[in-house]
C-alpha atoms as a PDB file:
ATOM      1  CA  MET A   1       0.308  -0.018  -0.197  1.00  0.00           C
ATOM      2  CA  ALA A   2       3.040   2.430   0.671  1.00  0.00           C
ATOM      3  CA  ALA A   3       4.299   1.766  -2.500  1.00  0.00           C
ATOM      4  CA  ALA A   4       1.221   2.744  -4.315  1.00  0.00           C
ATOM      5  CA  ALA A   5       0.936   5.500  -2.490  1.00  0.00           C
ATOM      6  CA  THR A   6       4.725   6.470  -3.326  1.00  0.00           C
ATOM      7  CA  THR A   7       3.653   5.622  -7.458  1.00  0.00           C
ATOM      8  CA  GLU A   8       0.565   7.745  -6.819  1.00  0.00           C
ATOM      9  CA  SER A   9       2.278  10.886  -5.363  1.00  0.00           C
ATOM     10  CA  ARG A  10       4.715  10.179  -8.386  1.00  0.00           C
ATOM     11  CA  ASN A  11       1.894  10.843 -10.774  1.00  0.00           C
ATOM     12  CA  GLN A  12       0.465  14.366  -9.467  1.00  0.00           C
ATOM     13  CA  ILE A  13       0.829  17.512 -11.165  1.00  0.00           C
ATOM     14  CA  PRO A  14       2.865  19.514  -9.161  1.00  0.00           C
ATOM     15  CA  PRO A  15       0.552  22.913  -7.602  1.00  0.00           C
ATOM     16  CA  TYR A  16       3.009  24.968  -8.942  1.00  0.00           C
ATOM     17  CA  MET A  17       1.690  23.627 -13.257  1.00  0.00           C
ATOM     18  CA  LYS A  18      -1.678  23.739 -11.755  1.00  0.00           C
ATOM     19  CA  ALA A  19      -1.277  27.296 -11.251  1.00  0.00           C
ATOM     20  CA  VAL A  20       0.320  28.289 -14.261  1.00  0.00           C
ATOM     21  CA  SER A  21      -2.273  26.131 -15.936  1.00  0.00           C
ATOM     22  CA  GLY A  22      -5.091  28.356 -14.492  1.00  0.00           C
ATOM     23  CA  SER A  23      -3.644  31.951 -15.490  1.00  0.00           C
ATOM     24  CA  LEU A  24      -3.080  30.789 -18.876  1.00  0.00           C
ATOM     25  CA  GLY A  25      -6.915  29.668 -18.926  1.00  0.00           C
ATOM     26  CA  GLY A  26      -8.070  33.080 -17.066  1.00  0.00           C
ATOM     27  CA  VAL A  27      -6.531  35.563 -20.126  1.00  0.00           C
ATOM     28  CA  VAL A  28      -8.045  33.786 -22.482  1.00  0.00           C
ATOM     29  CA  GLU A  29     -11.223  33.562 -20.790  1.00  0.00           C
ATOM     30  CA  ALA A  30     -11.725  37.080 -19.726  1.00  0.00           C
ATOM     31  CA  CYS A  31     -11.256  38.184 -23.573  1.00  0.00           C
ATOM     32  CA  CYS A  32     -13.948  36.106 -24.928  1.00  0.00           C
ATOM     33  CA  LEU A  33     -16.573  36.602 -22.262  1.00  0.00           C
ATOM     34  CA  GLN A  34     -16.520  39.964 -21.104  1.00  0.00           C
ATOM     35  CA  PRO A  35     -19.435  41.325 -22.716  1.00  0.00           C
ATOM     36  CA  ILE A  36     -21.461  38.760 -21.058  1.00  0.00           C
ATOM     37  CA  ASP A  37     -20.451  40.008 -17.536  1.00  0.00           C
ATOM     38  CA  VAL A  38     -21.072  43.490 -18.382  1.00  0.00           C
ATOM     39  CA  ILE A  39     -24.413  42.847 -18.863  1.00  0.00           C
ATOM     40  CA  LYS A  40     -24.811  40.726 -16.069  1.00  0.00           C
ATOM     41  CA  THR A  41     -24.126  43.615 -13.903  1.00  0.00           C
ATOM     42  CA  ARG A  42     -26.099  45.809 -15.353  1.00  0.00           C
ATOM     43  CA  LEU A  43     -29.180  43.617 -15.470  1.00  0.00           C
ATOM     44  CA  GLN A  44     -28.489  43.059 -11.221  1.00  0.00           C
ATOM     45  CA  LEU A  45     -27.962  46.697 -10.693  1.00  0.00           C
ATOM     46  CA  ASP A  46     -31.095  47.710 -13.157  1.00  0.00           C
ATOM     47  CA  ARG A  47     -33.821  48.235 -10.346  1.00  0.00           C
ATOM     48  CA  VAL A  48     -36.008  50.442 -12.560  1.00  0.00           C
ATOM     49  CA  GLY A  49     -36.844  47.721 -15.283  1.00  0.00           C
ATOM     50  CA  ALA A  50     -34.811  49.759 -17.814  1.00  0.00           C
ATOM     51  CA  TYR A  51     -33.566  46.575 -19.688  1.00  0.00           C
ATOM     52  CA  LYS A  52     -36.019  43.838 -20.970  1.00  0.00           C
ATOM     53  CA  GLY A  53     -33.336  41.349 -21.051  1.00  0.00           C
ATOM     54  CA  ILE A  54     -30.191  40.460 -22.313  1.00  0.00           C
ATOM     55  CA  ALA A  55     -30.324  41.261 -25.745  1.00  0.00           C
ATOM     56  CA  HIS A  56     -32.102  44.424 -25.030  1.00  0.00           C
ATOM     57  CA  CYS A  57     -29.386  45.104 -22.379  1.00  0.00           C
ATOM     58  CA  GLY A  58     -26.359  44.444 -24.350  1.00  0.00           C
ATOM     59  CA  SER A  59     -28.178  46.217 -27.855  1.00  0.00           C
ATOM     60  CA  THR A  60     -29.056  49.082 -25.495  1.00  0.00           C
ATOM     61  CA  VAL A  61     -25.671  49.417 -23.923  1.00  0.00           C
ATOM     62  CA  VAL A  62     -23.686  49.625 -27.432  1.00  0.00           C
ATOM     63  CA  ARG A  63     -26.634  51.544 -29.158  1.00  0.00           C
ATOM     64  CA  THR A  64     -25.828  54.279 -26.367  1.00  0.00           C
ATOM     65  CA  GLU A  65     -22.435  53.941 -24.973  1.00  0.00           C
ATOM     66  CA  GLY A  66     -20.513  52.607 -28.060  1.00  0.00           C
ATOM     67  CA  VAL A  67     -19.234  48.665 -28.906  1.00  0.00           C
ATOM     68  CA  ARG A  68     -16.095  49.015 -26.374  1.00  0.00           C
ATOM     69  CA  ALA A  69     -18.599  49.812 -23.378  1.00  0.00           C
ATOM     70  CA  LEU A  70     -19.058  45.994 -23.452  1.00  0.00           C
ATOM     71  CA  TRP A  71     -15.589  45.342 -22.312  1.00  0.00           C
ATOM     72  CA  LYS A  72     -15.680  48.107 -19.652  1.00  0.00           C
ATOM     73  CA  GLY A  73     -13.561  46.900 -16.669  1.00  0.00           C
ATOM     74  CA  LEU A  74     -11.624  44.150 -18.922  1.00  0.00           C
ATOM     75  CA  THR A  75      -8.447  45.608 -17.486  1.00  0.00           C
ATOM     76  CA  PRO A  76      -9.401  44.345 -13.777  1.00  0.00           C
ATOM     77  CA  PHE A  77     -11.532  41.567 -15.053  1.00  0.00           C
ATOM     78  CA  ALA A  78      -8.751  40.150 -16.901  1.00  0.00           C
ATOM     79  CA  THR A  79      -6.152  40.736 -13.971  1.00  0.00           C
ATOM     80  CA  HIS A  80      -8.315  39.402 -11.475  1.00  0.00           C
ATOM     81  CA  LEU A  81      -9.144  36.206 -13.633  1.00  0.00           C
ATOM     82  CA  THR A  82      -5.604  35.448 -13.919  1.00  0.00           C
ATOM     83  CA  LEU A  83      -4.615  35.795 -10.471  1.00  0.00           C
ATOM     84  CA  LYS A  84      -7.668  34.420  -9.504  1.00  0.00           C
ATOM     85  CA  TYR A  85      -7.243  30.909 -11.365  1.00  0.00           C
ATOM     86  CA  THR A  86      -3.668  31.111 -10.666  1.00  0.00           C
ATOM     87  CA  LEU A  87      -4.652  30.897  -6.963  1.00  0.00           C
ATOM     88  CA  ARG A  88      -7.466  28.480  -7.262  1.00  0.00           C
ATOM     89  CA  MET A  89      -5.853  25.858  -9.082  1.00  0.00           C
ATOM     90  CA  GLY A  90      -2.601  26.182  -6.969  1.00  0.00           C
ATOM     91  CA  SER A  91      -4.262  26.102  -3.700  1.00  0.00           C
ATOM     92  CA  ASN A  92      -6.697  23.307  -4.397  1.00  0.00           C
ATOM     93  CA  ALA A  93      -3.874  21.197  -5.705  1.00  0.00           C
ATOM     94  CA  MET A  94      -2.214  22.146  -2.352  1.00  0.00           C
ATOM     95  CA  PHE A  95      -5.177  21.646  -0.029  1.00  0.00           C
ATOM     96  CA  GLN A  96      -5.746  17.979  -2.108  1.00  0.00           C
ATOM     97  CA  THR A  97      -2.426  17.204  -1.489  1.00  0.00           C
ATOM     98  CA  ALA A  98      -3.066  17.820   2.249  1.00  0.00           C
ATOM     99  CA  PHE A  99      -5.982  15.645   1.809  1.00  0.00           C
ATOM    100  CA  LYS A 100      -4.959  12.662   0.280  1.00  0.00           C
ATOM    101  CA  ASP A 101      -5.275   9.177   1.626  1.00  0.00           C
ATOM    102  CA  SER A 102      -2.056   8.251   3.283  1.00  0.00           C
ATOM    103  CA  GLU A 103      -2.282   4.661   2.281  1.00  0.00           C
ATOM    104  CA  THR A 104      -4.083   4.567  -1.511  1.00  0.00           C
ATOM    105  CA  GLY A 105      -2.556   8.470  -2.036  1.00  0.00           C
ATOM    106  CA  LYS A 106      -6.138   9.249  -3.475  1.00  0.00           C
ATOM    107  CA  VAL A 107      -8.512  11.823  -2.753  1.00  0.00           C
ATOM    108  CA  SER A 108     -11.931  11.164  -1.687  1.00  0.00           C
ATOM    109  CA  ASN A 109     -14.879  12.975  -3.075  1.00  0.00           C
ATOM    110  CA  ARG A 110     -15.134  14.254   0.179  1.00  0.00           C
ATOM    111  CA  GLY A 111     -11.602  15.788   0.124  1.00  0.00           C
ATOM    112  CA  ARG A 112     -12.142  17.590  -2.939  1.00  0.00           C
ATOM    113  CA  LEU A 113     -15.103  19.055  -1.798  1.00  0.00           C
ATOM    114  CA  LEU A 114     -13.237  20.529   1.007  1.00  0.00           C
ATOM    115  CA  SER A 115     -10.297  21.402  -1.081  1.00  0.00           C
ATOM    116  CA  GLY A 116     -12.073  23.143  -3.582  1.00  0.00           C
ATOM    117  CA  PHE A 117     -14.028  25.202  -0.610  1.00  0.00           C
ATOM    118  CA  GLY A 118     -10.990  26.293   0.816  1.00  0.00           C
ATOM    119  CA  ALA A 119      -9.341  27.130  -2.675  1.00  0.00           C
ATOM    120  CA  GLY A 120     -12.755  29.322  -3.139  1.00  0.00           C
ATOM    121  CA  VAL A 121     -12.727  31.053   0.101  1.00  0.00           C
ATOM    122  CA  LEU A 122      -9.305  31.973  -0.519  1.00  0.00           C
ATOM    123  CA  GLU A 123      -9.191  33.081  -3.312  1.00  0.00           C
ATOM    124  CA  ALA A 124     -12.710  35.474  -2.635  1.00  0.00           C
ATOM    125  CA  LEU A 125     -10.865  37.040   0.396  1.00  0.00           C
ATOM    126  CA  ALA A 126      -7.209  37.610  -1.356  1.00  0.00           C
ATOM    127  CA  ILE A 127      -7.947  38.939  -4.752  1.00  0.00           C
ATOM    128  CA  VAL A 128     -11.752  38.356  -5.926  1.00  0.00           C
ATOM    129  CA  THR A 129     -13.260  40.818  -3.716  1.00  0.00           C
ATOM    130  CA  PRO A 130     -11.205  43.533  -4.259  1.00  0.00           C
ATOM    131  CA  PHE A 131     -11.174  43.335  -8.039  1.00  0.00           C
ATOM    132  CA  GLU A 132     -14.712  43.136  -7.988  1.00  0.00           C
ATOM    133  CA  VAL A 133     -15.570  46.003  -6.455  1.00  0.00           C
ATOM    134  CA  VAL A 134     -13.672  48.041  -8.672  1.00  0.00           C
ATOM    135  CA  LYS A 135     -14.719  46.214 -11.711  1.00  0.00           C
ATOM    136  CA  ILE A 136     -18.633  46.290 -10.777  1.00  0.00           C
ATOM    137  CA  ARG A 137     -18.118  50.137  -9.975  1.00  0.00           C
ATOM    138  CA  LEU A 138     -16.481  50.617 -13.378  1.00  0.00           C
ATOM    139  CA  GLN A 139     -19.358  48.717 -14.882  1.00  0.00           C
ATOM    140  CA  GLN A 140     -22.225  50.476 -13.593  1.00  0.00           C
ATOM    141  CA  GLN A 141     -21.185  53.737 -15.051  1.00  0.00           C
ATOM    142  CA  LYS A 142     -23.130  55.315 -17.992  1.00  0.00           C
ATOM    143  CA  GLY A 143     -22.739  57.199 -20.628  1.00  0.00           C
ATOM    144  CA  LEU A 144     -20.693  57.890 -23.477  1.00  0.00           C
ATOM    145  CA  SER A 145     -18.591  60.781 -21.730  1.00  0.00           C
ATOM    146  CA  PRO A 146     -15.575  59.219 -19.990  1.00  0.00           C
ATOM    147  CA  GLU A 147     -14.622  63.025 -18.551  1.00  0.00           C
ATOM    148  CA  LEU A 148     -18.407  62.881 -16.361  1.00  0.00           C
ATOM    149  CA  PHE A 149     -17.328  59.556 -15.112  1.00  0.00           C
ATOM    150  CA  LYS A 150     -16.784  59.453 -11.418  1.00  0.00           C
ATOM    151  CA  TYR A 151     -14.178  56.655 -11.780  1.00  0.00           C
ATOM    152  CA  LYS A 152     -11.390  57.260 -14.689  1.00  0.00           C
ATOM    153  CA  GLY A 153     -10.090  53.795 -14.781  1.00  0.00           C
ATOM    154  CA  PRO A 154      -9.140  50.674 -12.220  1.00  0.00           C
ATOM    155  CA  ILE A 155      -6.110  52.674 -10.499  1.00  0.00           C
ATOM    156  CA  HIS A 156      -8.136  55.798 -10.051  1.00  0.00           C
ATOM    157  CA  CYS A 157     -11.508  53.827  -8.709  1.00  0.00           C
ATOM    158  CA  ALA A 158      -9.354  52.083  -6.593  1.00  0.00           C
ATOM    159  CA  ARG A 159      -7.566  54.953  -4.893  1.00  0.00           C
ATOM    160  CA  THR A 160     -11.175  56.926  -4.731  1.00  0.00           C
ATOM    161  CA  ILE A 161     -12.900  54.248  -2.909  1.00  0.00           C
ATOM    162  CA  VAL A 162      -9.858  53.869  -0.177  1.00  0.00           C
ATOM    163  CA  ARG A 163      -9.812  57.644   0.196  1.00  0.00           C
ATOM    164  CA  GLU A 164     -13.715  58.067   0.238  1.00  0.00           C
ATOM    165  CA  GLU A 165     -14.866  54.604   1.973  1.00  0.00           C
ATOM    166  CA  SER A 166     -11.436  53.334   3.739  1.00  0.00           C
ATOM    167  CA  ILE A 167      -9.320  50.556   2.809  1.00  0.00           C
ATOM    168  CA  LEU A 168     -12.165  48.341   4.107  1.00  0.00           C
ATOM    169  CA  GLY A 169     -14.352  49.428   1.013  1.00  0.00           C
ATOM    170  CA  LEU A 170     -12.518  47.542  -1.360  1.00  0.00           C
ATOM    171  CA  TRP A 171     -13.737  44.220   0.692  1.00  0.00           C
ATOM    172  CA  SER A 172     -17.315  45.123   0.322  1.00  0.00           C
ATOM    173  CA  GLY A 173     -19.498  42.030  -0.095  1.00  0.00           C
ATOM    174  CA  ALA A 174     -16.924  40.094   1.290  1.00  0.00           C
ATOM    175  CA  ALA A 175     -19.430  37.530   2.902  1.00  0.00           C
ATOM    176  CA  PRO A 176     -21.305  36.897   0.250  1.00  0.00           C
ATOM    177  CA  THR A 177     -18.574  36.201  -1.824  1.00  0.00           C
ATOM    178  CA  VAL A 178     -16.982  33.846  -0.138  1.00  0.00           C
ATOM    179  CA  MET A 179     -19.923  31.999   0.852  1.00  0.00           C
ATOM    180  CA  ARG A 180     -20.583  32.180  -3.461  1.00  0.00           C
ATOM    181  CA  ASN A 181     -16.511  31.281  -4.401  1.00  0.00           C
ATOM    182  CA  GLY A 182     -16.282  28.703  -1.481  1.00  0.00           C
ATOM    183  CA  THR A 183     -19.514  26.832  -2.643  1.00  0.00           C
ATOM    184  CA  ASN A 184     -18.848  26.937  -6.587  1.00  0.00           C
ATOM    185  CA  GLN A 185     -15.320  25.848  -6.267  1.00  0.00           C
ATOM    186  CA  ALA A 186     -16.566  22.847  -4.006  1.00  0.00           C
ATOM    187  CA  VAL A 187     -18.648  21.902  -6.777  1.00  0.00           C
ATOM    188  CA  MET A 188     -16.984  22.640  -9.929  1.00  0.00           C
ATOM    189  CA  PHE A 189     -13.606  20.591  -8.637  1.00  0.00           C
ATOM    190  CA  THR A 190     -15.547  17.717  -8.036  1.00  0.00           C
ATOM    191  CA  ALA A 191     -17.548  17.755 -10.658  1.00  0.00           C
ATOM    192  CA  LYS A 192     -15.171  17.949 -13.616  1.00  0.00           C
ATOM    193  CA  ASN A 193     -12.781  15.001 -11.765  1.00  0.00           C
ATOM    194  CA  ALA A 194     -16.163  12.871 -11.802  1.00  0.00           C
ATOM    195  CA  PHE A 195     -17.047  13.922 -15.356  1.00  0.00           C
ATOM    196  CA  ASP A 196     -13.819  13.489 -16.484  1.00  0.00           C
ATOM    197  CA  ILE A 197     -13.337   9.914 -15.252  1.00  0.00           C
ATOM    198  CA  LEU A 198     -17.082   9.015 -16.289  1.00  0.00           C
ATOM    199  CA  LEU A 199     -17.177  10.401 -19.901  1.00  0.00           C
ATOM    200  CA  TRP A 200     -13.238   9.875 -21.175  1.00  0.00           C
ATOM    201  CA  ASN A 201     -12.161   7.539 -18.475  1.00  0.00           C
ATOM    202  CA  LYS A 202      -9.080  10.013 -17.479  1.00  0.00           C
ATOM    203  CA  HIS A 203      -7.302  10.243 -14.203  1.00  0.00           C
ATOM    204  CA  GLU A 204      -4.964  12.643 -13.368  1.00  0.00           C
ATOM    205  CA  GLY A 205      -1.468  11.597 -13.524  1.00  0.00           C
ATOM    206  CA  ASP A 206      -2.305   8.805 -16.188  1.00  0.00           C
ATOM    207  CA  GLY A 207      -0.511  10.167 -18.669  1.00  0.00           C
ATOM    208  CA  LYS A 208      -3.906  10.570 -21.060  1.00  0.00           C
ATOM    209  CA  VAL A 209      -4.252  14.428 -22.465  1.00  0.00           C
ATOM    210  CA  LEU A 210      -8.072  14.800 -23.208  1.00  0.00           C
ATOM    211  CA  GLN A 211      -8.750  16.684 -26.801  1.00  0.00           C
ATOM    212  CA  PRO A 212      -9.634  20.604 -26.132  1.00  0.00           C
ATOM    213  CA  TRP A 213     -13.109  19.906 -27.156  1.00  0.00           C
ATOM    214  CA  GLN A 214     -13.538  17.313 -24.189  1.00  0.00           C
ATOM    215  CA  SER A 215     -11.964  19.449 -21.994  1.00  0.00           C
ATOM    216  CA  MET A 216     -14.474  21.810 -22.826  1.00  0.00           C
ATOM    217  CA  ILE A 217     -17.606  19.483 -22.428  1.00  0.00           C
ATOM    218  CA  SER A 218     -16.530  18.077 -19.222  1.00  0.00           C
ATOM    219  CA  GLY A 219     -15.548  21.969 -17.981  1.00  0.00           C
ATOM    220  CA  PHE A 220     -19.157  23.462 -19.087  1.00  0.00           C
ATOM    221  CA  LEU A 221     -21.026  20.829 -17.304  1.00  0.00           C
ATOM    222  CA  ALA A 222     -18.897  21.000 -13.639  1.00  0.00           C
ATOM    223  CA  GLY A 223     -19.544  24.891 -14.185  1.00  0.00           C
ATOM    224  CA  THR A 224     -23.433  24.574 -14.521  1.00  0.00           C
ATOM    225  CA  ALA A 225     -24.428  23.765 -10.690  1.00  0.00           C
ATOM    226  CA  GLY A 226     -23.087  26.754  -9.143  1.00  0.00           C
ATOM    227  CA  PRO A 227     -25.209  29.276 -10.225  1.00  0.00           C
ATOM    228  CA  PHE A 228     -28.301  27.713  -9.708  1.00  0.00           C
ATOM    229  CA  CYS A 229     -27.075  27.568  -5.924  1.00  0.00           C
ATOM    230  CA  THR A 230     -25.465  30.841  -5.662  1.00  0.00           C
ATOM    231  CA  GLY A 231     -27.878  32.943  -6.996  1.00  0.00           C
ATOM    232  CA  PRO A 232     -28.929  35.402  -4.014  1.00  0.00           C
ATOM    233  CA  PHE A 233     -25.035  35.527  -3.264  1.00  0.00           C
ATOM    234  CA  ASP A 234     -23.738  36.647  -6.452  1.00  0.00           C
ATOM    235  CA  VAL A 235     -26.901  39.264  -6.532  1.00  0.00           C
ATOM    236  CA  VAL A 236     -26.072  40.371  -3.297  1.00  0.00           C
ATOM    237  CA  LYS A 237     -22.462  40.849  -3.435  1.00  0.00           C
ATOM    238  CA  THR A 238     -23.173  42.982  -6.938  1.00  0.00           C
ATOM    239  CA  ARG A 239     -25.125  45.450  -4.380  1.00  0.00           C
ATOM    240  CA  LEU A 240     -22.949  45.711  -1.870  1.00  0.00           C
ATOM    241  CA  MET A 241     -20.266  46.286  -4.270  1.00  0.00           C
ATOM    242  CA  ALA A 242     -21.637  48.834  -6.430  1.00  0.00           C
ATOM    243  CA  GLN A 243     -22.999  51.237  -3.501  1.00  0.00           C
ATOM    244  CA  SER A 244     -21.143  53.938  -2.033  1.00  0.00           C
ATOM    245  CA  ARG A 245     -21.578  56.178   0.696  1.00  0.00           C
ATOM    246  CA  ASP A 246     -23.894  59.036   0.379  1.00  0.00           C
ATOM    247  CA  SER A 247     -23.395  62.835   0.877  1.00  0.00           C
ATOM    248  CA  GLU A 248     -24.437  61.982   4.489  1.00  0.00           C
ATOM    249  CA  GLY A 249     -22.442  58.992   4.579  1.00  0.00           C
ATOM    250  CA  GLY A 250     -25.327  56.136   4.963  1.00  0.00           C
ATOM    251  CA  ILE A 251     -25.451  53.212   2.592  1.00  0.00           C
ATOM    252  CA  ARG A 252     -28.555  51.475   1.779  1.00  0.00           C
ATOM    253  CA  TYR A 253     -27.720  47.615   2.428  1.00  0.00           C
ATOM    254  CA  LYS A 254     -26.243  47.315   5.953  1.00  0.00           C
ATOM    255  CA  GLY A 255     -24.585  43.950   5.156  1.00  0.00           C
ATOM    256  CA  MET A 256     -24.961  40.618   3.548  1.00  0.00           C
ATOM    257  CA  VAL A 257     -28.107  39.559   5.195  1.00  0.00           C
ATOM    258  CA  HIS A 258     -29.940  42.558   5.923  1.00  0.00           C
ATOM    259  CA  ALA A 259     -29.709  42.934   2.078  1.00  0.00           C
ATOM    260  CA  ILE A 260     -31.358  39.336   1.029  1.00  0.00           C
ATOM    261  CA  ARG A 261     -34.266  40.812   3.316  1.00  0.00           C
ATOM    262  CA  THR A 262     -34.016  44.189   1.645  1.00  0.00           C
ATOM    263  CA  ILE A 263     -34.161  42.979  -2.160  1.00  0.00           C
ATOM    264  CA  TYR A 264     -36.623  40.118  -0.864  1.00  0.00           C
ATOM    265  CA  ALA A 265     -38.837  42.811   0.647  1.00  0.00           C
ATOM    266  CA  GLU A 266     -38.874  45.242  -2.392  1.00  0.00           C
ATOM    267  CA  GLU A 267     -38.566  43.179  -5.110  1.00  0.00           C
ATOM    268  CA  GLY A 268     -39.281  39.764  -4.112  1.00  0.00           C
ATOM    269  CA  LEU A 269     -38.003  36.514  -4.171  1.00  0.00           C
ATOM    270  CA  VAL A 270     -36.903  36.110  -7.978  1.00  0.00           C
ATOM    271  CA  ALA A 271     -34.645  39.088  -7.577  1.00  0.00           C
ATOM    272  CA  LEU A 272     -32.484  37.573  -5.624  1.00  0.00           C
ATOM    273  CA  TRP A 273     -31.667  35.058  -8.605  1.00  0.00           C
ATOM    274  CA  ARG A 274     -31.528  38.360 -11.050  1.00  0.00           C
ATOM    275  CA  GLY A 275     -28.680  37.691 -13.732  1.00  0.00           C
ATOM    276  CA  LEU A 276     -28.937  33.956 -13.898  1.00  0.00           C
ATOM    277  CA  LEU A 277     -29.065  33.559 -17.288  1.00  0.00           C
ATOM    278  CA  PRO A 278     -26.111  35.882 -18.001  1.00  0.00           C
ATOM    279  CA  ARG A 279     -24.417  34.108 -15.545  1.00  0.00           C
ATOM    280  CA  LEU A 280     -24.705  30.328 -16.859  1.00  0.00           C
ATOM    281  CA  MET A 281     -24.030  31.834 -20.739  1.00  0.00           C
ATOM    282  CA  ARG A 282     -20.637  32.776 -18.778  1.00  0.00           C
ATOM    283  CA  ILE A 283     -19.406  30.453 -16.493  1.00  0.00           C
ATOM    284  CA  PRO A 284     -19.946  27.456 -17.748  1.00  0.00           C
ATOM    285  CA  PRO A 285     -18.688  28.687 -21.355  1.00  0.00           C
ATOM    286  CA  GLY A 286     -15.494  30.072 -19.177  1.00  0.00           C
ATOM    287  CA  GLN A 287     -15.276  27.007 -17.108  1.00  0.00           C
ATOM    288  CA  ALA A 288     -15.057  25.155 -20.731  1.00  0.00           C
ATOM    289  CA  ILE A 289     -12.230  27.500 -22.181  1.00  0.00           C
ATOM    290  CA  MET A 290     -10.159  27.699 -18.565  1.00  0.00           C
ATOM    291  CA  TRP A 291     -10.006  23.896 -18.866  1.00  0.00           C
ATOM    292  CA  ALA A 292      -9.572  23.372 -22.586  1.00  0.00           C
ATOM    293  CA  VAL A 293      -6.633  25.403 -22.203  1.00  0.00           C
ATOM    294  CA  ALA A 294      -5.088  24.549 -18.259  1.00  0.00           C
ATOM    295  CA  ASP A 295      -5.947  20.695 -19.405  1.00  0.00           C
ATOM    296  CA  GLN A 296      -3.402  21.253 -22.470  1.00  0.00           C
ATOM    297  CA  VAL A 297      -0.693  22.877 -20.458  1.00  0.00           C
ATOM    298  CA  THR A 298      -1.084  19.650 -17.622  1.00  0.00           C
ATOM    299  CA  GLY A 299      -1.537  17.335 -20.222  1.00  0.00           C
ATOM    300  CA  LEU A 300       1.339  18.003 -21.685  1.00  0.00           C
ATOM    301  CA  TYR A 301       3.369  18.364 -18.527  1.00  0.00           C
ATOM    302  CA  GLU A 302       2.198  14.832 -17.780  1.00  0.00           C
ATOM    303  CA  MET A 303       3.582  13.349 -20.884  1.00  0.00           C
ATOM    304  CA  ARG A 304       6.836  14.970 -20.635  1.00  0.00           C
ATOM    305  CA  TYR A 305       7.544  14.645 -17.217  1.00  0.00           C
ATOM    306  CA  LEU A 306       5.157  12.222 -15.124  1.00  0.00           C
ATOM    307  CA  ARG A 307       6.564   8.219 -15.121  1.00  0.00           C
ATOM    308  CA  ASN A 308       4.868   5.977 -16.936  1.00  0.00           C
ATOM    309  CA  ALA A 309       3.183   8.732 -18.998  1.00  0.00           C
ATOM    310  CA  THR A 310       2.467   7.560 -22.741  1.00  0.00           C
ATOM    311  CA  LEU A 311       2.426   9.851 -25.916  1.00  0.00           C
END
């Protein structure tokens, strides 16, 4: 049993390679899916029904602000995705190492869930929250005249938030972000591994490299469950991050629980899942793109360096 565990550990991809694969996947995903993220944010912030749906929102943004408006916030979004996936993939690999069975060297589904949740919490606190605060503040600005915008760019936005709301302003909405990301990653990593085994008989470290379309199918399926489970956390996160203090120093939502209650009381239960469709249009395809890139990177590493790898 000890020999099996040793062999298993030798056939594992090191965390730093997982981190590299995630960073490359994040860059490609950000460039492809930024417009959908802009539309999702606009829909979630729409309390008066200005947008009639995804297509209407997108066409309205293009008509009134130009095509480039669909890529508003790309710099912080791409940077945040790259750093997020680097941390997510690397930390998940490290957590899985800690949860390996000492005899078999394998990770149980419980270990994968806990590893994914831990990676999600870590990324939420270290990277996601401050970057998304800046991204959402930039995305909610409307108009064709940049000189009239309150925030002139990502750095100016961050500086303004710190000056007006203190450094903690960059962590507005941290609680729902932690819950959203932790749950998402617990489900996603467990599901991705299960789909790889079920659909393609792919086990990590076996030297088999999935074709990009295979990785995309597994990644797409793994990315579908999270949005349904974490819809309310995502809406509340967006509302908390978007709000700034009024002239008297007050804020509309006092925290995660208060925001959920207020949205439910004023807008109904369905409002807590507002923006679900654009999330489903962004997250599963995003995971498909990211995993298609990441699996190719880790697959090449497996073929070249792992023992017993096959070409």
